[in-house]
Amino acid sequence: MTDTSQPPSPFASLVPQRSVGLKLLLVCGLALLMAIPALFIHSVVQDRRMGADRALADVSEMVGGQQSVLGPVLSVPYSRTLGPRHNELVYGYVVAYADTGTASADVDVQMRTRGIHAIPVFDATISMDAVFDPAALRAALPDDATPIWSDARVYLGVSDTRGIRDAITVTANGTDLAIEPTPYYASNVGKYQPVPPSGVTLAGGHIAGLETATSPITLTSNMRLSGAERLSIAPFAKDTRVDLVSNWNDPSFQGGVLPERHTAGDGQSEGFEAHWRVPYLARGIAGAGANLDLGELTEWNRRDMAVRFMKEGNPYQSVERALKYAVMFVGFVFLAYFLFEVTSAARAHPAQYVLVGLAQTIFYILLLAMSERIGFDGAFLIAASMTVLLTAAYAASVFRSRLYGLRALAVLSGIYTLIYVLMRAESHALLAGALASFAAIALTMYMTRNIDWYGERTSAPAA
């Protein structure tokens, strides 16, 4: 009679048949191997993030990028003679900031699409009033300086001139001033550079009568700007107040000064309103002086008042945060399958663990692809439901019991709820992950307390 039995596989010794301890070690090793596909998904997230950045850059090319606005300042150039024979002529300038300044901005935000990406762009109408003391400008002149009053000017600044939509208008005590691009002169041809272009592109207009003015001068300016992502206003006066209203519901306040009050997130009205104030001492910059650097006002995250018009629930950031814990969550799922295995008569093959791990990995791809189109919360609900139902149904098939399928459904639902918490509560992510890991290990130790790890007993393991 012919023996039809199959010879034992040469790899049979590599797959534990009876030792539960070796099987657990193998499962842990497989969980670590799942870090490899997670790395590939991380590269996909980076590529998609770069695509979103390119979309933002493309839209910014058309409407103007991040906008930083400098309100009106006064400046007058001067000349001085230096050298032993006093025949060397050098030039400088004096800047005077307003004693008080107010700005009001009405910002309309609309969505522009570039491919699958929706980019918020804004159209801002900004009005600024500034009250100057001309005596402060004259007092700041060096003792041996000769002021050039014929080129005294008022300056304003915008960081991205592509976003200027209308002519900038300026009035001095009710008299219109002609505003033009600022001419910058090279010192090697005997001219002067009125104000250094630090951080913004300046526009200026001649203002007469500063050498003899004794009463305050009120400058009023109006401009209309478009841009993307961020709008900021520099504290252009010694005491600056800014009021901003917008139809955008998800602002992020940035810069060096946060608003004193705002209505963002109160749920009572569409859009938001915000009010800032920067008093003189908080600004920390002299009110007038020779050769002052306007960049001290316009440097980001130091003194400006800014709003970022972007969705804070960035899907790429959330998915990246979840990927940091990918091995841990795959390990949780594998531990659940392992506990099902040691408490049932059925056995799961290592290949089945790999399939379960790949299903958890594909969850992140589903989450990324869907969140780009329908938002993070909806994408998470769909992707998690698909993965949990698939893995629970597979557990019912592997362990040949609907009861184990229901147990897997409950356990996996808890695991994916934890994933959502970690992605949304960044400040509590480490604490939640640590407690969940401790709970998982404690449960595993309890469930396997009576297991025959060496597989020497013939009786079935008891949980």
Protein backbone atom coordinates (compact mmCIF):
# COMPACT_ATOMS: atom_id res chain seq x y z
CA MET A 1 0.00 0.00 0.00
CA THR A 2 1.37 3.35 -1.05
CA ASP A 3 2.02 5.90 1.66
CA THR A 4 0.25 9.11 0.54
CA SER A 5 1.11 11.16 3.59
CA GLN A 6 3.04 14.38 2.96
CA PRO A 7 6.57 14.64 4.29
CA PRO A 8 7.03 17.22 7.03
CA SER A 9 7.96 20.67 5.83
CA PRO A 10 11.60 21.64 6.42
CA PHE A 11 10.27 24.92 7.86
CA ALA A 12 7.90 23.25 10.28
CA SER A 13 10.36 23.69 13.10
CA LEU A 14 10.30 27.45 12.58
CA VAL A 15 6.58 27.68 13.33
CA PRO A 16 5.73 26.75 16.93
CA GLN A 17 3.22 23.96 17.02
CA ARG A 18 2.74 23.45 20.77
CA SER A 19 4.79 26.10 22.62
CA VAL A 20 2.59 29.06 23.43
CA GLY A 21 5.64 30.99 24.60
CA LEU A 22 7.39 30.67 21.26
CA LYS A 23 4.19 31.62 19.49
CA LEU A 24 3.98 34.82 21.57
CA LEU A 25 7.58 35.67 20.69
CA LEU A 26 6.80 35.14 17.02
CA VAL A 27 3.72 37.35 17.26
CA CYS A 28 5.78 40.12 18.87
CA GLY A 29 8.35 39.81 16.09
CA LEU A 30 5.64 40.10 13.46
CA ALA A 31 4.28 43.21 15.18
CA LEU A 32 7.73 44.81 14.94
CA LEU A 33 7.95 43.89 11.26
CA MET A 34 4.76 45.86 10.68
CA ALA A 35 6.87 48.98 11.25
CA ILE A 36 8.25 48.52 7.72
CA PRO A 37 4.98 49.22 5.86
CA ALA A 38 4.32 52.04 8.34
CA LEU A 39 7.54 53.71 7.14
CA PHE A 40 6.33 53.50 3.54
CA ILE A 41 3.02 55.10 4.54
CA HIS A 42 4.94 57.87 6.32
CA SER A 43 6.72 58.67 3.03
CA VAL A 44 3.33 58.81 1.30
CA VAL A 45 2.08 61.27 3.94
CA GLN A 46 5.13 63.46 3.35
CA ASP A 47 4.56 63.41 -0.40
CA ARG A 48 0.91 64.40 0.00
CA ARG A 49 1.89 67.16 2.41
CA MET A 50 4.32 68.51 -0.17
CA GLY A 51 1.51 68.46 -2.72
CA ALA A 52 -0.64 70.55 -0.38
CA ASP A 53 2.24 73.00 0.09
CA ARG A 54 2.65 73.28 -3.67
CA ALA A 55 -1.07 73.99 -4.03
CA LEU A 56 -0.78 76.76 -1.42
CA ALA A 57 2.24 78.22 -3.24
CA ASP A 58 0.39 78.15 -6.57
CA VAL A 59 -2.62 79.96 -5.14
CA SER A 60 -0.36 82.46 -3.38
CA GLU A 61 1.25 83.29 -6.72
CA MET A 62 -2.12 84.46 -7.96
CA VAL A 63 -3.59 86.24 -4.94
CA GLY A 64 -0.52 87.16 -2.89
CA GLY A 65 0.98 85.13 -0.09
CA GLN A 66 1.15 85.82 3.62
CA GLN A 67 0.63 89.53 4.19
CA SER A 68 2.35 91.71 6.77
CA VAL A 69 1.13 95.32 6.91
CA LEU A 70 3.00 98.33 8.26
CA GLY A 71 0.95 101.42 9.07
CA PRO A 72 2.00 105.03 8.39
CA VAL A 73 5.33 106.33 9.70
CA LEU A 74 7.03 109.66 9.09
CA SER A 75 10.59 110.03 7.88
CA VAL A 76 12.90 112.86 6.86
CA PRO A 77 16.42 112.39 5.44
CA TYR A 78 19.37 114.45 6.54
CA SER A 79 22.97 115.07 5.58
CA ARG A 80 26.07 115.42 7.73
CA THR A 81 29.63 116.43 6.99
CA LEU A 82 32.43 114.30 8.35
CA GLY A 83 36.20 114.09 8.01
CA PRO A 84 39.04 116.27 9.23
CA ARG A 85 38.25 118.92 6.67
CA HIS A 86 34.46 118.44 6.87
CA ASN A 87 34.28 117.71 3.18
CA GLU A 88 32.81 114.20 3.37
CA LEU A 89 29.02 114.21 3.03
CA VAL A 90 27.00 111.31 4.47
CA TYR A 91 23.29 110.78 4.62
CA GLY A 92 20.86 109.32 7.11
CA TYR A 93 17.21 109.52 8.04
CA VAL A 94 15.01 110.08 11.04
CA VAL A 95 11.87 108.05 11.69
CA ALA A 96 8.95 109.06 13.90
CA TYR A 97 6.14 106.72 14.84
CA ALA A 98 2.63 107.91 15.63
CA ASP A 99 1.70 108.66 19.21
CA THR A 100 -1.55 106.72 18.77
CA GLY A 101 -2.69 104.46 15.96
CA THR A 102 -5.83 102.47 15.19
CA ALA A 103 -6.44 99.92 12.47
CA SER A 104 -9.66 98.23 11.45
CA ALA A 105 -9.69 95.28 9.06
CA ASP A 106 -12.66 93.60 7.40
CA VAL A 107 -11.46 90.25 6.08
CA ASP A 108 -13.53 88.12 3.71
CA VAL A 109 -12.23 84.56 3.36
CA GLN A 110 -13.16 82.32 0.44
CA MET A 111 -11.97 78.87 -0.62
CA ARG A 112 -9.92 78.33 -3.76
CA THR A 113 -9.34 74.81 -5.05
CA ARG A 114 -6.14 73.53 -6.57
CA GLY A 115 -6.58 69.87 -7.48
CA ILE A 116 -8.06 68.15 -4.43
CA HIS A 117 -6.80 70.86 -2.07
CA ALA A 118 -8.98 73.73 -0.83
CA ILE A 119 -6.95 76.82 0.05
CA PRO A 120 -8.48 79.69 2.10
CA VAL A 121 -7.69 83.07 0.53
CA PHE A 122 -8.63 86.41 2.02
CA ASP A 123 -9.63 89.82 0.73
CA ALA A 124 -8.93 92.43 3.41
CA THR A 125 -10.03 96.05 3.53
CA ILE A 126 -7.80 97.84 6.03
CA SER A 127 -8.21 101.39 7.36
CA MET A 128 -5.58 102.98 9.59
CA ASP A 129 -5.49 106.27 11.51
CA ALA A 130 -2.30 107.65 13.05
CA VAL A 131 -1.74 110.85 15.05
CA PHE A 132 1.81 112.28 14.95
CA ASP A 133 3.63 114.94 16.90
CA PRO A 134 5.90 116.67 14.32
CA ALA A 135 8.07 118.06 17.10
CA ALA A 136 9.21 114.50 17.91
CA LEU A 137 10.56 114.14 14.37
CA ARG A 138 12.54 117.36 14.63
CA ALA A 139 13.85 116.51 18.08
CA ALA A 140 15.24 113.19 16.84
CA LEU A 141 17.55 114.88 14.31
CA PRO A 142 21.26 114.72 15.22
CA ASP A 143 22.70 118.04 16.37
CA ASP A 144 24.98 118.46 13.36
CA ALA A 145 22.48 117.18 10.78
CA THR A 146 20.93 119.22 8.00
CA PRO A 147 17.38 117.95 7.37
CA ILE A 148 16.17 117.64 3.77
CA TRP A 149 12.56 118.69 4.34
CA SER A 150 11.79 118.67 0.63
CA ASP A 151 11.94 114.87 0.73
CA ALA A 152 10.05 114.31 4.00
CA ARG A 153 7.75 111.39 3.45
CA VAL A 154 5.08 109.20 4.94
CA TYR A 155 5.67 105.49 4.44
CA LEU A 156 3.46 102.40 4.52
CA GLY A 157 4.42 98.81 3.87
CA VAL A 158 3.02 95.56 2.50
CA SER A 159 4.98 92.30 2.43
CA ASP A 160 3.57 90.97 -0.87
CA THR A 161 2.64 93.66 -3.38
CA ARG A 162 1.02 91.08 -5.66
CA GLY A 163 -1.96 91.21 -3.33
CA ILE A 164 -2.62 94.98 -3.65
CA ARG A 165 -6.06 95.23 -5.25
CA ASP A 166 -6.75 98.98 -5.16
CA ALA A 167 -4.69 102.16 -4.94
CA ILE A 168 -3.45 102.89 -1.42
CA THR A 169 -4.88 106.23 -0.30
CA VAL A 170 -3.41 108.46 2.39
CA THR A 171 -4.63 111.81 3.71
CA ALA A 172 -2.80 114.21 6.06
CA ASN A 173 -5.24 116.36 8.03
CA GLY A 174 -7.73 115.84 5.22
CA THR A 175 -5.30 116.58 2.35
CA ASP A 176 -4.69 113.74 -0.13
CA LEU A 177 -1.12 112.56 -0.58
CA ALA A 178 0.21 110.94 -3.75
CA ILE A 179 1.51 107.48 -2.84
CA GLU A 180 4.14 105.90 -5.08
CA PRO A 181 6.64 103.03 -4.90
CA THR A 182 9.58 104.06 -2.76
CA PRO A 183 12.73 104.99 -4.71
CA TYR A 184 15.83 103.47 -3.21
CA TYR A 185 19.09 105.20 -4.00
CA ALA A 186 22.60 103.80 -3.93
CA SER A 187 24.96 105.61 -1.59
CA ASN A 188 27.83 105.46 -4.10
CA VAL A 189 26.15 108.06 -6.32
CA GLY A 190 25.81 110.59 -3.54
CA LYS A 191 22.15 109.86 -2.74
CA TYR A 192 20.52 108.41 0.33
CA GLN A 193 18.30 105.49 1.13
CA PRO A 194 15.33 107.01 2.96
CA VAL A 195 14.10 103.90 4.85
CA PRO A 196 15.61 100.41 4.70
CA PRO A 197 13.24 97.84 3.18
CA SER A 198 13.14 95.51 6.20
CA GLY A 199 10.51 92.81 5.87
CA VAL A 200 8.04 94.77 3.74
CA THR A 201 7.91 96.59 0.42
CA LEU A 202 7.42 100.27 1.13
CA ALA A 203 5.31 102.89 -0.60
CA GLY A 204 5.64 106.56 0.22
CA GLY A 205 4.38 110.01 -0.48
CA HIS A 206 5.79 113.49 0.08
CA ILE A 207 4.36 115.42 3.02
CA ALA A 208 5.00 119.15 3.33
CA GLY A 209 5.18 121.50 6.29
CA LEU A 210 6.79 119.20 8.85
CA GLU A 211 9.59 121.69 9.54
CA THR A 212 7.16 124.29 10.89
CA ALA A 213 4.14 122.25 12.01
CA THR A 214 3.22 122.65 15.66
CA SER A 215 -0.15 120.94 15.92
CA PRO A 216 -0.69 117.16 15.66
CA ILE A 217 -0.89 115.63 12.19
CA THR A 218 -3.54 112.96 11.57
CA LEU A 219 -2.78 110.50 8.79
CA THR A 220 -5.55 108.28 7.45
CA SER A 221 -4.80 105.44 5.06
CA ASN A 222 -6.90 102.83 3.26
CA MET A 223 -5.82 99.76 1.37
CA ARG A 224 -7.30 96.58 -0.03
CA LEU A 225 -5.20 93.42 -0.02
CA SER A 226 -5.63 89.82 -0.99
CA GLY A 227 -3.48 87.00 0.28
CA ALA A 228 -3.36 83.47 1.61
CA GLU A 229 -2.83 81.77 4.95
CA ARG A 230 -1.77 84.68 7.20
CA LEU A 231 -2.47 88.38 7.78
CA SER A 232 -0.55 90.45 10.30
CA ILE A 233 -0.45 94.12 11.28
CA ALA A 234 2.63 95.64 12.89
CA PRO A 235 2.30 97.94 15.95
CA PHE A 236 2.96 101.06 13.89
CA ALA A 237 2.27 103.56 16.71
CA LYS A 238 3.53 103.96 20.24
CA ASP A 239 0.04 102.92 21.34
CA THR A 240 -1.62 100.71 18.72
CA ARG A 241 -5.14 99.30 18.64
CA VAL A 242 -6.39 96.83 16.01
CA ASP A 243 -9.92 95.59 15.36
CA LEU A 244 -10.49 92.76 12.92
CA VAL A 245 -13.71 91.11 11.74
CA SER A 246 -13.96 88.13 9.42
CA ASN A 247 -16.37 85.49 8.16
CA TRP A 248 -13.82 82.75 8.92
CA ASN A 249 -14.84 80.36 11.69
CA ASP A 250 -11.52 78.69 12.48
CA PRO A 251 -8.87 81.39 13.14
CA SER A 252 -5.50 80.76 14.73
CA PHE A 253 -4.10 83.81 16.51
CA GLN A 254 -0.36 84.16 16.10
CA GLY A 255 2.39 86.76 16.26
CA GLY A 256 3.96 88.36 19.28
CA VAL A 257 0.70 89.73 20.75
CA LEU A 258 -2.53 87.81 21.31
CA PRO A 259 -5.88 89.61 21.15
CA GLU A 260 -7.29 91.10 24.34
CA ARG A 261 -10.68 89.68 23.42
CA HIS A 262 -12.24 87.77 20.57
CA THR A 263 -15.42 85.91 19.68
CA ALA A 264 -13.82 82.97 17.86
CA GLY A 265 -15.36 79.66 18.87
CA ASP A 266 -18.22 81.08 20.91
CA GLY A 267 -20.76 79.40 18.62
CA GLN A 268 -23.07 82.41 18.70
CA SER A 269 -22.22 84.04 15.37
CA GLU A 270 -20.73 83.31 12.00
CA GLY A 271 -17.09 84.30 11.71
CA PHE A 272 -15.23 86.11 14.47
CA GLU A 273 -14.15 89.48 15.82
CA ALA A 274 -10.87 90.24 17.57
CA HIS A 275 -9.35 93.26 19.30
CA TRP A 276 -5.66 93.88 20.06
CA ARG A 277 -3.82 96.62 21.90
CA VAL A 278 -0.06 97.12 22.12
CA PRO A 279 0.91 99.94 24.52
CA TYR A 280 4.19 101.81 24.19
CA LEU A 281 6.17 99.93 26.81
CA ALA A 282 4.96 96.54 25.54
CA ARG A 283 6.09 97.45 22.04
CA GLY A 284 9.61 98.09 23.32
CA ILE A 285 10.72 100.33 20.43
CA ALA A 286 11.61 104.01 20.58
CA GLY A 287 8.97 106.41 19.32
CA ALA A 288 11.46 108.35 17.18
CA GLY A 289 15.13 108.13 16.30
CA ALA A 290 17.82 108.27 13.66
CA ASN A 291 18.29 105.34 11.28
CA LEU A 292 15.74 103.11 13.01
CA ASP A 293 15.14 99.66 11.51
CA LEU A 294 11.50 99.11 10.58
CA GLY A 295 12.19 95.39 10.58
CA GLU A 296 11.86 95.47 14.36
CA LEU A 297 8.14 95.96 13.83
CA THR A 298 7.58 93.50 11.02
CA GLU A 299 9.55 90.49 12.21
CA TRP A 300 7.11 87.61 12.73
CA ASN A 301 6.31 86.17 16.12
CA ARG A 302 7.80 89.10 18.01
CA ARG A 303 5.49 92.11 18.06
CA ASP A 304 2.95 91.79 15.25
CA MET A 305 -0.76 90.97 15.60
CA ALA A 306 -1.57 88.08 13.28
CA VAL A 307 -4.32 85.68 12.24
CA ARG A 308 -3.77 82.47 10.34
CA PHE A 309 -6.64 81.47 8.06
CA MET A 310 -6.01 77.76 7.74
CA LYS A 311 -7.78 74.66 8.94
CA GLU A 312 -6.07 73.57 12.14
CA GLY A 313 -7.27 69.97 11.76
CA ASN A 314 -4.48 69.13 9.30
CA PRO A 315 -5.00 65.53 8.12
CA TYR A 316 -1.30 65.02 7.41
CA GLN A 317 -0.31 66.08 10.91
CA SER A 318 -2.97 63.83 12.46
CA VAL A 319 -2.01 60.78 10.38
CA GLU A 320 1.68 61.33 11.15
CA ARG A 321 0.87 61.43 14.85
CA ALA A 322 -1.02 58.15 14.57
CA LEU A 323 1.83 56.53 12.63
CA LYS A 324 4.15 57.19 15.57
CA TYR A 325 2.05 54.68 17.51
CA ALA A 326 1.45 52.27 14.60
CA VAL A 327 3.58 49.43 16.01
CA MET A 328 1.91 49.77 19.39
CA PHE A 329 -1.59 49.54 17.92
CA VAL A 330 -0.70 46.62 15.66
CA GLY A 331 0.72 44.99 18.79
CA PHE A 332 -2.58 45.56 20.58
CA VAL A 333 -4.48 43.84 17.78
CA PHE A 334 -2.01 40.95 17.69
CA LEU A 335 -2.27 40.57 21.47
CA ALA A 336 -6.05 40.38 21.14
CA TYR A 337 -5.75 37.65 18.49
CA PHE A 338 -3.20 35.83 20.61
CA LEU A 339 -5.53 35.86 23.61
CA PHE A 340 -8.36 34.60 21.44
CA GLU A 341 -6.06 31.83 20.24
CA VAL A 342 -4.93 30.62 23.66
CA THR A 343 -8.50 30.62 25.00
CA SER A 344 -10.00 28.73 22.07
CA ALA A 345 -9.48 25.39 20.42
CA ALA A 346 -8.49 26.98 17.10
CA ARG A 347 -5.01 28.10 16.15
CA ALA A 348 -4.04 31.09 14.01
CA HIS A 349 -1.23 30.74 11.48
CA PRO A 350 1.51 33.43 11.41
CA ALA A 351 0.36 34.29 7.88
CA GLN A 352 -3.05 35.17 9.32
CA TYR A 353 -1.39 37.54 11.79
CA VAL A 354 0.42 39.18 8.88
CA LEU A 355 -2.87 39.66 7.03
CA VAL A 356 -4.41 41.24 10.12
CA GLY A 357 -1.40 43.55 10.48
CA LEU A 358 -1.60 44.60 6.83
CA ALA A 359 -5.27 45.42 7.31
CA GLN A 360 -4.32 47.75 10.17
CA THR A 361 -1.65 49.34 7.98
CA ILE A 362 -4.06 49.94 5.12
CA PHE A 363 -6.28 51.78 7.59
CA TYR A 364 -3.81 54.67 7.56
CA ILE A 365 -3.85 54.84 3.76
CA LEU A 366 -7.66 54.88 3.77
CA LEU A 367 -7.64 57.58 6.43
CA LEU A 368 -5.21 59.76 4.49
CA ALA A 369 -6.98 59.38 1.14
CA MET A 370 -10.44 60.08 2.53
CA SER A 371 -9.49 62.92 4.87
CA GLU A 372 -8.15 64.92 1.91
CA ARG A 373 -11.65 64.92 0.47
CA ILE A 374 -14.23 64.73 3.24
CA GLY A 375 -12.37 65.94 6.33
CA PHE A 376 -10.62 64.07 9.10
CA ASP A 377 -13.52 63.13 11.39
CA GLY A 378 -15.68 61.62 8.65
CA ALA A 379 -12.69 59.87 7.11
CA PHE A 380 -11.69 58.35 10.44
CA LEU A 381 -15.20 57.04 11.06
CA ILE A 382 -15.38 55.36 7.65
CA ALA A 383 -11.83 53.97 7.59
CA ALA A 384 -12.01 52.70 11.18
CA SER A 385 -15.42 51.09 10.63
CA MET A 386 -14.19 49.29 7.51
CA THR A 387 -11.06 48.01 9.27
CA VAL A 388 -12.80 46.98 12.49
CA LEU A 389 -15.60 45.12 10.68
CA LEU A 390 -13.14 43.36 8.38
CA THR A 391 -10.83 42.27 11.21
CA ALA A 392 -13.71 41.19 13.45
CA ALA A 393 -15.27 39.11 10.67
CA TYR A 394 -11.88 37.54 10.00
CA ALA A 395 -11.56 36.68 13.71
CA ALA A 396 -14.92 34.90 13.60
CA SER A 397 -13.64 32.86 10.66
CA VAL A 398 -10.19 32.10 12.09
CA PHE A 399 -11.50 31.01 15.49
CA ARG A 400 -14.69 29.45 14.05
CA SER A 401 -16.97 31.28 16.45
CA ARG A 402 -19.28 34.26 16.15
CA LEU A 403 -18.63 34.92 19.83
CA TYR A 404 -14.94 35.58 19.09
CA GLY A 405 -16.00 37.80 16.21
CA LEU A 406 -18.10 39.88 18.61
CA ARG A 407 -15.25 40.00 21.11
CA ALA A 408 -12.90 41.19 18.38
CA LEU A 409 -15.44 43.83 17.37
CA ALA A 410 -15.56 45.18 20.93
CA VAL A 411 -11.79 45.08 21.46
CA LEU A 412 -10.98 46.67 18.10
CA SER A 413 -13.59 49.38 18.60
CA GLY A 414 -11.84 50.31 21.84
CA ILE A 415 -8.44 50.31 20.14
CA TYR A 416 -9.58 52.62 17.34
CA THR A 417 -11.29 54.89 19.81
CA LEU A 418 -7.93 55.20 21.52
CA ILE A 419 -6.27 55.97 18.17
CA TYR A 420 -8.74 58.81 17.63
CA VAL A 421 -8.06 60.21 21.08
CA LEU A 422 -4.31 60.15 20.47
CA MET A 423 -4.69 61.95 17.14
CA ARG A 424 -6.97 64.62 18.52
CA ALA A 425 -5.57 65.19 22.02
CA GLU A 426 -1.92 65.80 21.26
CA SER A 427 -1.10 67.17 24.70
CA HIS A 428 -2.48 64.02 26.38
CA ALA A 429 -1.28 61.53 23.75
CA LEU A 430 1.71 60.23 25.71
CA LEU A 431 -0.30 59.74 28.91
CA ALA A 432 -3.15 57.98 27.10
CA GLY A 433 -0.73 55.75 25.17
CA ALA A 434 1.21 54.83 28.31
CA LEU A 435 -1.93 53.94 30.28
CA ALA A 436 -3.35 51.94 27.36
CA SER A 437 -0.09 50.01 26.98
CA PHE A 438 -0.02 49.22 30.69
CA ALA A 439 -3.66 48.07 30.60
CA ALA A 440 -2.98 45.84 27.58
CA ILE A 441 0.02 44.18 29.21
CA ALA A 442 -1.83 43.75 32.51
CA LEU A 443 -4.80 42.14 30.75
CA THR A 444 -2.51 39.81 28.79
CA MET A 445 -0.71 38.76 31.98
CA TYR A 446 -4.01 38.05 33.69
CA MET A 447 -5.49 36.10 30.78
CA THR A 448 -2.37 33.96 30.39
CA ARG A 449 -1.60 33.39 34.05
CA ASN A 450 -2.32 29.64 33.78
CA ILE A 451 -0.88 29.07 30.32
CA ASP A 452 1.57 26.19 29.77
CA TRP A 453 4.18 28.32 27.95
CA TYR A 454 6.47 25.34 27.13
CA GLY A 455 3.64 23.22 25.73
CA GLU A 456 4.64 20.22 27.85
CA ARG A 457 1.18 19.52 29.36
CA THR A 458 -1.35 17.66 27.28
CA SER A 459 -4.32 19.40 28.83
CA ALA A 460 -5.81 22.43 27.15
CA PRO A 461 -4.64 25.78 28.51
CA ALA A 462 -6.98 27.51 30.91
CA ALA A 463 -7.59 31.21 30.91
